[in-house]
Amino acid sequence: MFSTLRKMILLVLGIPFVILGTRFLLDAGQSALVHQAAASWTPITVELVSVDHFSSEDQALGNQTLVDYRYEFEGRAFEGQFSCIGDECPQKDLHLSLRAAQEEKRPVAALVDPDDPAQSLLYRNLYMPLFLLKAGVGLFCFLTGSVAVIFGVYLLSGAGATKGAK
């Protein structure tokens, strides 16, 4: 009974690792695909609606810049949002330069997807350390979970199950 329970635990603990790893890999992949696709997007100017800067004493959260903007593309109005945390921002003190642009009512350059104008980017920036972290953690969790699930299924129903029964 205990040997079957151990095999079930191995199987059950592997499933969340596969799910978590898949989530991290999809997130990293989406970031890379959007970054790559944005190379061919149409440059536009946007009007900044709000620029917020949040600071936290907790080093894990750091400083966050949150920007809301609106733009027109082919006669239709759209809204967009940009957010970055700490070193992930494309430039130091980004919130100060964007807030100055907002106060002076200066337009800011952005990119819009001509096939889906609701999708836009204020900055085409792929923060490589965060991308590598997501991809690395995703691969580790996915592979670890997959091995646990495969090994658990093998031990419960494959040759490992008949070997332990003798």
N, C-alpha and C. Protein backbone atom coordinates (compact mmCIF):
# COMPACT_ATOMS: atom_id res chain seq x y z
N MET A 1 0.82 -1.20 0.00
CA MET A 1 0.00 0.00 0.00
C MET A 1 0.87 1.26 0.00
N PHE A 2 1.90 1.27 0.85
CA PHE A 2 2.74 2.47 0.92
C PHE A 2 3.54 2.68 -0.36
N SER A 3 3.91 1.60 -1.03
CA SER A 3 4.67 1.77 -2.27
C SER A 3 3.77 2.39 -3.35
N THR A 4 2.49 2.01 -3.39
CA THR A 4 1.56 2.62 -4.34
C THR A 4 1.30 4.07 -3.98
N LEU A 5 1.20 4.37 -2.70
CA LEU A 5 0.98 5.75 -2.25
C LEU A 5 2.15 6.64 -2.64
N ARG A 6 3.36 6.14 -2.49
CA ARG A 6 4.55 6.92 -2.87
C ARG A 6 4.55 7.20 -4.37
N LYS A 7 4.14 6.22 -5.16
CA LYS A 7 4.09 6.40 -6.61
C LYS A 7 3.03 7.43 -6.99
N MET A 8 1.89 7.39 -6.30
CA MET A 8 0.81 8.36 -6.55
C MET A 8 1.26 9.77 -6.17
N ILE A 9 1.96 9.89 -5.06
CA ILE A 9 2.46 11.21 -4.63
C ILE A 9 3.41 11.77 -5.67
N LEU A 10 4.29 10.94 -6.20
CA LEU A 10 5.21 11.37 -7.25
C LEU A 10 4.45 11.89 -8.46
N LEU A 11 3.42 11.16 -8.84
CA LEU A 11 2.61 11.56 -9.99
C LEU A 11 1.87 12.87 -9.71
N VAL A 12 1.24 12.96 -8.56
CA VAL A 12 0.43 14.14 -8.22
C VAL A 12 1.30 15.39 -8.03
N LEU A 13 2.48 15.25 -7.48
CA LEU A 13 3.36 16.40 -7.29
C LEU A 13 3.98 16.87 -8.60
N GLY A 14 4.08 16.00 -9.57
CA GLY A 14 4.65 16.39 -10.86
C GLY A 14 3.72 17.26 -11.69
N ILE A 15 2.41 17.06 -11.55
CA ILE A 15 1.43 17.78 -12.37
C ILE A 15 1.50 19.30 -12.16
N PRO A 16 1.53 19.82 -10.91
CA PRO A 16 1.64 21.28 -10.76
C PRO A 16 2.94 21.85 -11.34
N PHE A 17 4.02 21.08 -11.28
CA PHE A 17 5.27 21.54 -11.87
C PHE A 17 5.15 21.67 -13.39
N VAL A 18 4.46 20.73 -14.01
CA VAL A 18 4.25 20.81 -15.46
C VAL A 18 3.41 22.04 -15.80
N ILE A 19 2.35 22.27 -15.03
CA ILE A 19 1.48 23.42 -15.27
C ILE A 19 2.23 24.73 -15.07
N LEU A 20 2.97 24.84 -13.98
CA LEU A 20 3.73 26.06 -13.69
C LEU A 20 4.80 26.30 -14.75
N GLY A 21 5.50 25.26 -15.13
CA GLY A 21 6.53 25.39 -16.16
C GLY A 21 5.95 25.81 -17.49
N THR A 22 4.80 25.24 -17.84
CA THR A 22 4.13 25.62 -19.09
C THR A 22 3.74 27.09 -19.06
N ARG A 23 3.23 27.54 -17.93
CA ARG A 23 2.82 28.95 -17.79
C ARG A 23 4.01 29.89 -17.97
N PHE A 24 5.13 29.59 -17.32
CA PHE A 24 6.32 30.43 -17.46
C PHE A 24 6.85 30.42 -18.89
N LEU A 25 6.87 29.25 -19.52
CA LEU A 25 7.36 29.16 -20.90
C LEU A 25 6.46 29.92 -21.88
N LEU A 26 5.14 29.83 -21.68
CA LEU A 26 4.22 30.57 -22.54
C LEU A 26 4.39 32.07 -22.37
N ASP A 27 4.58 32.51 -21.13
CA ASP A 27 4.78 33.94 -20.86
C ASP A 27 6.07 34.45 -21.51
N ALA A 28 7.14 33.69 -21.36
CA ALA A 28 8.42 34.08 -21.98
C ALA A 28 8.30 34.08 -23.50
N GLY A 29 7.63 33.07 -24.03
CA GLY A 29 7.45 32.98 -25.48
C GLY A 29 6.62 34.12 -26.03
N GLN A 30 5.56 34.49 -25.30
CA GLN A 30 4.72 35.60 -25.75
C GLN A 30 5.51 36.90 -25.76
N SER A 31 6.32 37.14 -24.73
CA SER A 31 7.15 38.35 -24.69
C SER A 31 8.09 38.40 -25.89
N ALA A 32 8.72 37.28 -26.19
CA ALA A 32 9.66 37.24 -27.32
C ALA A 32 8.94 37.42 -28.66
N LEU A 33 7.77 36.81 -28.81
CA LEU A 33 7.03 36.93 -30.07
C LEU A 33 6.53 38.35 -30.31
N VAL A 34 6.01 38.99 -29.26
CA VAL A 34 5.54 40.37 -29.40
C VAL A 34 6.71 41.29 -29.72
N HIS A 35 7.84 41.08 -29.05
CA HIS A 35 9.03 41.89 -29.31
C HIS A 35 9.47 41.74 -30.77
N GLN A 36 9.47 40.52 -31.26
CA GLN A 36 9.88 40.26 -32.64
C GLN A 36 8.88 40.85 -33.64
N ALA A 37 7.59 40.66 -33.37
CA ALA A 37 6.55 41.14 -34.28
C ALA A 37 6.53 42.67 -34.34
N ALA A 38 6.82 43.32 -33.22
CA ALA A 38 6.75 44.78 -33.16
C ALA A 38 7.78 45.46 -34.05
N ALA A 39 8.75 44.73 -34.53
CA ALA A 39 9.75 45.30 -35.44
C ALA A 39 9.10 45.80 -36.73
N SER A 40 7.98 45.21 -37.11
CA SER A 40 7.30 45.61 -38.35
C SER A 40 6.03 46.42 -38.09
N TRP A 41 5.77 46.81 -36.85
CA TRP A 41 4.57 47.58 -36.54
C TRP A 41 4.73 49.02 -37.00
N THR A 42 3.61 49.71 -37.08
CA THR A 42 3.57 51.08 -37.56
C THR A 42 3.87 52.07 -36.44
N PRO A 43 4.83 52.98 -36.65
CA PRO A 43 5.09 54.00 -35.63
C PRO A 43 3.97 55.05 -35.62
N ILE A 44 3.56 55.44 -34.42
CA ILE A 44 2.52 56.46 -34.23
C ILE A 44 2.93 57.36 -33.07
N THR A 45 2.14 58.39 -32.83
CA THR A 45 2.33 59.20 -31.63
C THR A 45 1.11 59.01 -30.75
N VAL A 46 1.34 59.01 -29.45
CA VAL A 46 0.26 58.80 -28.49
C VAL A 46 0.19 59.98 -27.54
N GLU A 47 -0.99 60.16 -26.95
CA GLU A 47 -1.20 61.19 -25.93
C GLU A 47 -1.20 60.49 -24.57
N LEU A 48 -0.36 60.95 -23.68
CA LEU A 48 -0.29 60.35 -22.35
C LEU A 48 -1.47 60.82 -21.51
N VAL A 49 -2.20 59.87 -20.94
CA VAL A 49 -3.35 60.18 -20.10
C VAL A 49 -2.91 60.28 -18.64
N SER A 50 -2.12 59.31 -18.20
CA SER A 50 -1.63 59.34 -16.82
C SER A 50 -0.28 58.64 -16.74
N VAL A 51 0.54 59.15 -15.84
CA VAL A 51 1.85 58.55 -15.56
C VAL A 51 1.94 58.42 -14.05
N ASP A 52 2.00 57.20 -13.57
CA ASP A 52 2.08 56.94 -12.13
C ASP A 52 3.37 56.23 -11.81
N HIS A 53 3.90 56.55 -10.65
CA HIS A 53 5.14 55.92 -10.19
C HIS A 53 4.91 55.45 -8.76
N PHE A 54 5.05 54.17 -8.54
CA PHE A 54 4.84 53.58 -7.22
C PHE A 54 6.17 53.10 -6.68
N SER A 55 6.46 53.46 -5.44
CA SER A 55 7.69 53.00 -4.79
C SER A 55 7.33 52.09 -3.64
N SER A 56 8.19 51.14 -3.37
CA SER A 56 7.96 50.21 -2.27
C SER A 56 9.25 50.05 -1.49
N GLU A 57 9.12 49.95 -0.19
CA GLU A 57 10.29 49.71 0.64
C GLU A 57 10.79 48.29 0.45
N ASP A 58 9.90 47.41 0.04
CA ASP A 58 10.26 46.02 -0.21
C ASP A 58 11.10 45.95 -1.48
N GLN A 59 12.32 45.45 -1.37
CA GLN A 59 13.23 45.41 -2.52
C GLN A 59 12.71 44.49 -3.63
N ALA A 60 11.88 43.52 -3.26
CA ALA A 60 11.36 42.60 -4.27
C ALA A 60 10.41 43.31 -5.23
N LEU A 61 9.67 44.29 -4.72
CA LEU A 61 8.72 45.00 -5.57
C LEU A 61 9.36 46.16 -6.32
N GLY A 62 10.32 46.83 -5.70
CA GLY A 62 11.02 47.92 -6.36
C GLY A 62 10.11 49.08 -6.70
N ASN A 63 10.43 49.78 -7.77
CA ASN A 63 9.66 50.91 -8.26
C ASN A 63 8.91 50.50 -9.51
N GLN A 64 7.65 50.89 -9.58
CA GLN A 64 6.85 50.54 -10.75
C GLN A 64 6.37 51.81 -11.45
N THR A 65 6.50 51.83 -12.75
CA THR A 65 5.98 52.92 -13.58
C THR A 65 4.79 52.38 -14.36
N LEU A 66 3.67 53.09 -14.28
CA LEU A 66 2.44 52.68 -14.96
C LEU A 66 1.96 53.85 -15.81
N VAL A 67 1.77 53.62 -17.10
CA VAL A 67 1.41 54.68 -18.04
C VAL A 67 0.15 54.28 -18.79
N ASP A 68 -0.83 55.18 -18.81
CA ASP A 68 -2.02 55.02 -19.64
C ASP A 68 -1.93 56.03 -20.77
N TYR A 69 -2.27 55.61 -21.98
CA TYR A 69 -2.19 56.51 -23.13
C TYR A 69 -3.31 56.22 -24.10
N ARG A 70 -3.57 57.20 -24.97
CA ARG A 70 -4.59 57.00 -26.01
C ARG A 70 -4.00 57.42 -27.35
N TYR A 71 -4.57 56.83 -28.39
CA TYR A 71 -4.07 57.10 -29.73
C TYR A 71 -5.16 56.85 -30.75
N GLU A 72 -4.94 57.39 -31.93
CA GLU A 72 -5.84 57.15 -33.05
C GLU A 72 -5.09 56.41 -34.14
N PHE A 73 -5.77 55.45 -34.73
CA PHE A 73 -5.18 54.71 -35.84
C PHE A 73 -6.27 54.48 -36.88
N GLU A 74 -6.05 54.97 -38.07
CA GLU A 74 -7.00 54.86 -39.17
C GLU A 74 -8.38 55.39 -38.78
N GLY A 75 -8.39 56.52 -38.06
CA GLY A 75 -9.63 57.18 -37.70
C GLY A 75 -10.36 56.60 -36.49
N ARG A 76 -9.82 55.58 -35.88
CA ARG A 76 -10.46 54.98 -34.70
C ARG A 76 -9.63 55.25 -33.46
N ALA A 77 -10.31 55.48 -32.33
CA ALA A 77 -9.62 55.79 -31.07
C ALA A 77 -9.36 54.51 -30.28
N PHE A 78 -8.18 54.45 -29.68
CA PHE A 78 -7.78 53.29 -28.87
C PHE A 78 -7.09 53.78 -27.61
N GLU A 79 -7.01 52.89 -26.63
CA GLU A 79 -6.27 53.17 -25.40
C GLU A 79 -5.26 52.06 -25.18
N GLY A 80 -4.16 52.41 -24.53
CA GLY A 80 -3.14 51.43 -24.23
C GLY A 80 -2.58 51.65 -22.84
N GLN A 81 -1.83 50.67 -22.37
CA GLN A 81 -1.21 50.76 -21.04
C GLN A 81 0.18 50.15 -21.11
N PHE A 82 1.09 50.78 -20.40
CA PHE A 82 2.47 50.31 -20.33
C PHE A 82 2.86 50.25 -18.86
N SER A 83 3.54 49.19 -18.49
CA SER A 83 3.98 49.03 -17.11
C SER A 83 5.36 48.41 -17.09
N CYS A 84 6.21 48.89 -16.19
CA CYS A 84 7.52 48.27 -16.01
C CYS A 84 7.93 48.43 -14.56
N ILE A 85 8.75 47.50 -14.10
CA ILE A 85 9.18 47.49 -12.70
C ILE A 85 10.70 47.61 -12.66
N GLY A 86 11.18 48.60 -11.93
CA GLY A 86 12.61 48.76 -11.66
C GLY A 86 13.49 48.75 -12.89
N ASP A 87 14.48 47.85 -12.91
CA ASP A 87 15.45 47.77 -14.01
C ASP A 87 14.83 47.33 -15.32
N GLU A 88 13.62 46.80 -15.25
CA GLU A 88 12.93 46.32 -16.46
C GLU A 88 12.55 47.49 -17.38
N CYS A 89 12.46 48.70 -16.84
CA CYS A 89 12.11 49.87 -17.64
C CYS A 89 13.20 50.15 -18.68
N PRO A 90 12.82 50.64 -19.86
CA PRO A 90 13.81 50.84 -20.91
C PRO A 90 14.83 51.94 -20.63
N GLN A 91 14.53 52.83 -19.70
CA GLN A 91 15.51 53.86 -19.33
C GLN A 91 15.34 54.22 -17.86
N LYS A 92 16.41 54.74 -17.28
CA LYS A 92 16.38 55.14 -15.87
C LYS A 92 15.50 56.38 -15.74
N ASP A 93 14.77 56.48 -14.65
CA ASP A 93 13.87 57.61 -14.39
C ASP A 93 12.88 57.84 -15.53
N LEU A 94 12.36 56.76 -16.05
CA LEU A 94 11.40 56.83 -17.15
C LEU A 94 10.17 57.65 -16.75
N HIS A 95 9.73 57.47 -15.51
CA HIS A 95 8.52 58.17 -15.07
C HIS A 95 8.70 59.69 -15.12
N LEU A 96 9.92 60.18 -14.86
CA LEU A 96 10.15 61.63 -14.89
C LEU A 96 10.04 62.19 -16.31
N SER A 97 10.64 61.51 -17.27
CA SER A 97 10.56 62.00 -18.65
C SER A 97 9.15 61.88 -19.21
N LEU A 98 8.43 60.82 -18.85
CA LEU A 98 7.05 60.68 -19.33
C LEU A 98 6.12 61.67 -18.65
N ARG A 99 6.35 61.92 -17.37
CA ARG A 99 5.52 62.91 -16.66
C ARG A 99 5.74 64.31 -17.25
N ALA A 100 6.99 64.63 -17.59
CA ALA A 100 7.28 65.93 -18.22
C ALA A 100 6.59 66.02 -19.58
N ALA A 101 6.61 64.95 -20.34
CA ALA A 101 5.93 64.94 -21.64
C ALA A 101 4.43 65.11 -21.47
N GLN A 102 3.88 64.51 -20.43
CA GLN A 102 2.44 64.64 -20.17
C GLN A 102 2.09 66.08 -19.79
N GLU A 103 2.88 66.68 -18.91
CA GLU A 103 2.60 68.05 -18.47
C GLU A 103 2.74 69.05 -19.60
N GLU A 104 3.70 68.81 -20.49
CA GLU A 104 3.92 69.71 -21.63
C GLU A 104 3.03 69.36 -22.82
N LYS A 105 2.20 68.34 -22.66
CA LYS A 105 1.29 67.87 -23.72
C LYS A 105 2.06 67.49 -24.99
N ARG A 106 3.26 66.95 -24.80
CA ARG A 106 4.06 66.48 -25.93
C ARG A 106 3.63 65.08 -26.32
N PRO A 107 3.48 64.80 -27.60
CA PRO A 107 3.18 63.42 -28.00
C PRO A 107 4.41 62.53 -27.82
N VAL A 108 4.16 61.27 -27.60
CA VAL A 108 5.23 60.29 -27.38
C VAL A 108 5.13 59.22 -28.47
N ALA A 109 6.26 58.78 -28.95
CA ALA A 109 6.27 57.76 -30.01
C ALA A 109 5.88 56.39 -29.44
N ALA A 110 5.17 55.63 -30.25
CA ALA A 110 4.76 54.28 -29.88
C ALA A 110 4.65 53.45 -31.16
N LEU A 111 4.33 52.19 -31.00
CA LEU A 111 4.15 51.29 -32.14
C LEU A 111 2.77 50.66 -32.04
N VAL A 112 2.10 50.49 -33.18
CA VAL A 112 0.79 49.85 -33.20
C VAL A 112 0.81 48.74 -34.25
N ASP A 113 0.14 47.65 -33.90
CA ASP A 113 0.02 46.52 -34.82
C ASP A 113 -1.01 46.87 -35.89
N PRO A 114 -0.63 46.98 -37.15
CA PRO A 114 -1.59 47.37 -38.20
C PRO A 114 -2.69 46.32 -38.41
N ASP A 115 -2.42 45.08 -38.09
CA ASP A 115 -3.42 44.02 -38.24
C ASP A 115 -4.40 43.99 -37.08
N ASP A 116 -3.97 44.45 -35.90
CA ASP A 116 -4.81 44.51 -34.71
C ASP A 116 -4.50 45.82 -33.99
N PRO A 117 -5.13 46.93 -34.42
CA PRO A 117 -4.78 48.25 -33.89
C PRO A 117 -5.01 48.41 -32.38
N ALA A 118 -5.74 47.51 -31.76
CA ALA A 118 -5.93 47.59 -30.31
C ALA A 118 -4.66 47.19 -29.57
N GLN A 119 -3.74 46.55 -30.26
CA GLN A 119 -2.49 46.12 -29.64
C GLN A 119 -1.40 47.14 -29.99
N SER A 120 -0.79 47.69 -28.95
CA SER A 120 0.25 48.69 -29.15
C SER A 120 1.33 48.54 -28.10
N LEU A 121 2.48 49.15 -28.38
CA LEU A 121 3.60 49.14 -27.44
C LEU A 121 4.14 50.55 -27.31
N LEU A 122 4.34 50.98 -26.09
CA LEU A 122 4.96 52.27 -25.87
C LEU A 122 6.47 52.15 -26.09
N TYR A 123 7.03 51.03 -25.66
CA TYR A 123 8.46 50.77 -25.86
C TYR A 123 8.65 49.34 -26.32
N ARG A 124 9.43 49.16 -27.36
CA ARG A 124 9.78 47.81 -27.83
C ARG A 124 11.05 47.41 -27.09
N ASN A 125 10.86 46.84 -25.93
CA ASN A 125 11.98 46.53 -25.05
C ASN A 125 11.79 45.13 -24.47
N LEU A 126 12.73 44.25 -24.74
CA LEU A 126 12.71 42.92 -24.14
C LEU A 126 13.79 42.89 -23.08
N TYR A 127 13.37 42.90 -21.82
CA TYR A 127 14.33 42.91 -20.72
C TYR A 127 14.88 41.49 -20.58
N MET A 128 16.09 41.29 -21.08
CA MET A 128 16.67 39.96 -21.22
C MET A 128 16.80 39.19 -19.90
N PRO A 129 17.22 39.81 -18.78
CA PRO A 129 17.30 39.03 -17.53
C PRO A 129 15.95 38.44 -17.11
N LEU A 130 14.87 39.21 -17.27
CA LEU A 130 13.55 38.69 -16.91
C LEU A 130 13.11 37.60 -17.88
N PHE A 131 13.38 37.78 -19.17
CA PHE A 131 13.06 36.77 -20.17
C PHE A 131 13.79 35.46 -19.86
N LEU A 132 15.09 35.56 -19.58
CA LEU A 132 15.88 34.36 -19.28
C LEU A 132 15.43 33.70 -17.99
N LEU A 133 15.03 34.50 -17.00
CA LEU A 133 14.52 33.94 -15.75
C LEU A 133 13.24 33.14 -16.00
N LYS A 134 12.30 33.74 -16.74
CA LYS A 134 11.05 33.04 -17.04
C LYS A 134 11.30 31.76 -17.83
N ALA A 135 12.16 31.86 -18.84
CA ALA A 135 12.45 30.69 -19.67
C ALA A 135 13.18 29.61 -18.87
N GLY A 136 14.13 30.01 -18.04
CA GLY A 136 14.89 29.04 -17.24
C GLY A 136 14.03 28.35 -16.20
N VAL A 137 13.25 29.13 -15.46
CA VAL A 137 12.35 28.55 -14.45
C VAL A 137 11.31 27.68 -15.14
N GLY A 138 10.80 28.16 -16.28
CA GLY A 138 9.81 27.38 -17.02
C GLY A 138 10.35 26.04 -17.48
N LEU A 139 11.56 26.04 -18.04
CA LEU A 139 12.17 24.78 -18.48
C LEU A 139 12.42 23.85 -17.30
N PHE A 140 12.96 24.40 -16.21
CA PHE A 140 13.25 23.57 -15.04
C PHE A 140 11.97 22.92 -14.51
N CYS A 141 10.93 23.74 -14.28
CA CYS A 141 9.68 23.20 -13.73
C CYS A 141 9.03 22.21 -14.69
N PHE A 142 9.00 22.56 -15.97
CA PHE A 142 8.36 21.68 -16.95
C PHE A 142 9.08 20.34 -17.04
N LEU A 143 10.40 20.37 -17.15
CA LEU A 143 11.15 19.11 -17.27
C LEU A 143 11.09 18.29 -15.99
N THR A 144 11.24 18.94 -14.83
CA THR A 144 11.16 18.23 -13.56
C THR A 144 9.79 17.59 -13.38
N GLY A 145 8.74 18.37 -13.64
CA GLY A 145 7.38 17.85 -13.51
C GLY A 145 7.09 16.75 -14.50
N SER A 146 7.57 16.90 -15.72
CA SER A 146 7.34 15.87 -16.75
C SER A 146 8.00 14.56 -16.37
N VAL A 147 9.24 14.64 -15.89
CA VAL A 147 9.94 13.42 -15.47
C VAL A 147 9.19 12.76 -14.31
N ALA A 148 8.73 13.56 -13.35
CA ALA A 148 7.99 13.00 -12.21
C ALA A 148 6.70 12.34 -12.66
N VAL A 149 5.96 12.98 -13.56
CA VAL A 149 4.71 12.41 -14.05
C VAL A 149 4.97 11.13 -14.85
N ILE A 150 5.92 11.18 -15.76
CA ILE A 150 6.23 10.00 -16.58
C ILE A 150 6.71 8.84 -15.70
N PHE A 151 7.59 9.15 -14.76
CA PHE A 151 8.10 8.11 -13.87
C PHE A 151 6.98 7.56 -12.97
N GLY A 152 6.10 8.44 -12.49
CA GLY A 152 4.97 8.00 -11.66
C GLY A 152 4.02 7.10 -12.43
N VAL A 153 3.70 7.47 -13.66
CA VAL A 153 2.82 6.64 -14.50
C VAL A 153 3.49 5.31 -14.80
N TYR A 154 4.77 5.35 -15.11
CA TYR A 154 5.53 4.13 -15.39
C TYR A 154 5.51 3.20 -14.18
N LEU A 155 5.75 3.74 -13.00
CA LEU A 155 5.78 2.90 -11.80
C LEU A 155 4.40 2.36 -11.45
N LEU A 156 3.35 3.11 -11.76
CA LEU A 156 2.00 2.65 -11.42
C LEU A 156 1.43 1.66 -12.43
N SER A 157 1.78 1.82 -13.70
CA SER A 157 1.12 0.97 -14.69
C SER A 157 2.06 0.22 -15.63
N GLY A 158 3.31 0.61 -15.68
CA GLY A 158 4.23 -0.02 -16.62
C GLY A 158 4.95 -1.20 -16.01
N ALA A 159 6.16 -1.43 -16.51
CA ALA A 159 6.97 -2.55 -16.03
C ALA A 159 7.33 -2.38 -14.56
N GLY A 160 7.39 -1.13 -14.11
CA GLY A 160 7.71 -0.88 -12.70
C GLY A 160 6.62 -1.39 -11.77
N ALA A 161 5.37 -1.41 -12.22
CA ALA A 161 4.27 -1.89 -11.38
C ALA A 161 4.34 -3.41 -11.22
N THR A 162 4.68 -4.12 -12.27
CA THR A 162 4.75 -5.59 -12.18
C THR A 162 6.01 -6.02 -11.45
N LYS A 163 7.07 -5.23 -11.55
CA LYS A 163 8.31 -5.55 -10.86
C LYS A 163 8.13 -5.49 -9.34
N GLY A 164 7.41 -4.44 -8.89
CA GLY A 164 7.21 -4.28 -7.45
C GLY A 164 6.21 -5.26 -6.88
N ALA A 165 5.37 -5.85 -7.72
CA ALA A 165 4.34 -6.77 -7.24
C ALA A 165 4.90 -8.15 -6.94
N LYS A 166 6.07 -8.51 -7.47
CA LYS A 166 6.62 -9.86 -7.29
C LYS A 166 7.11 -10.08 -5.90
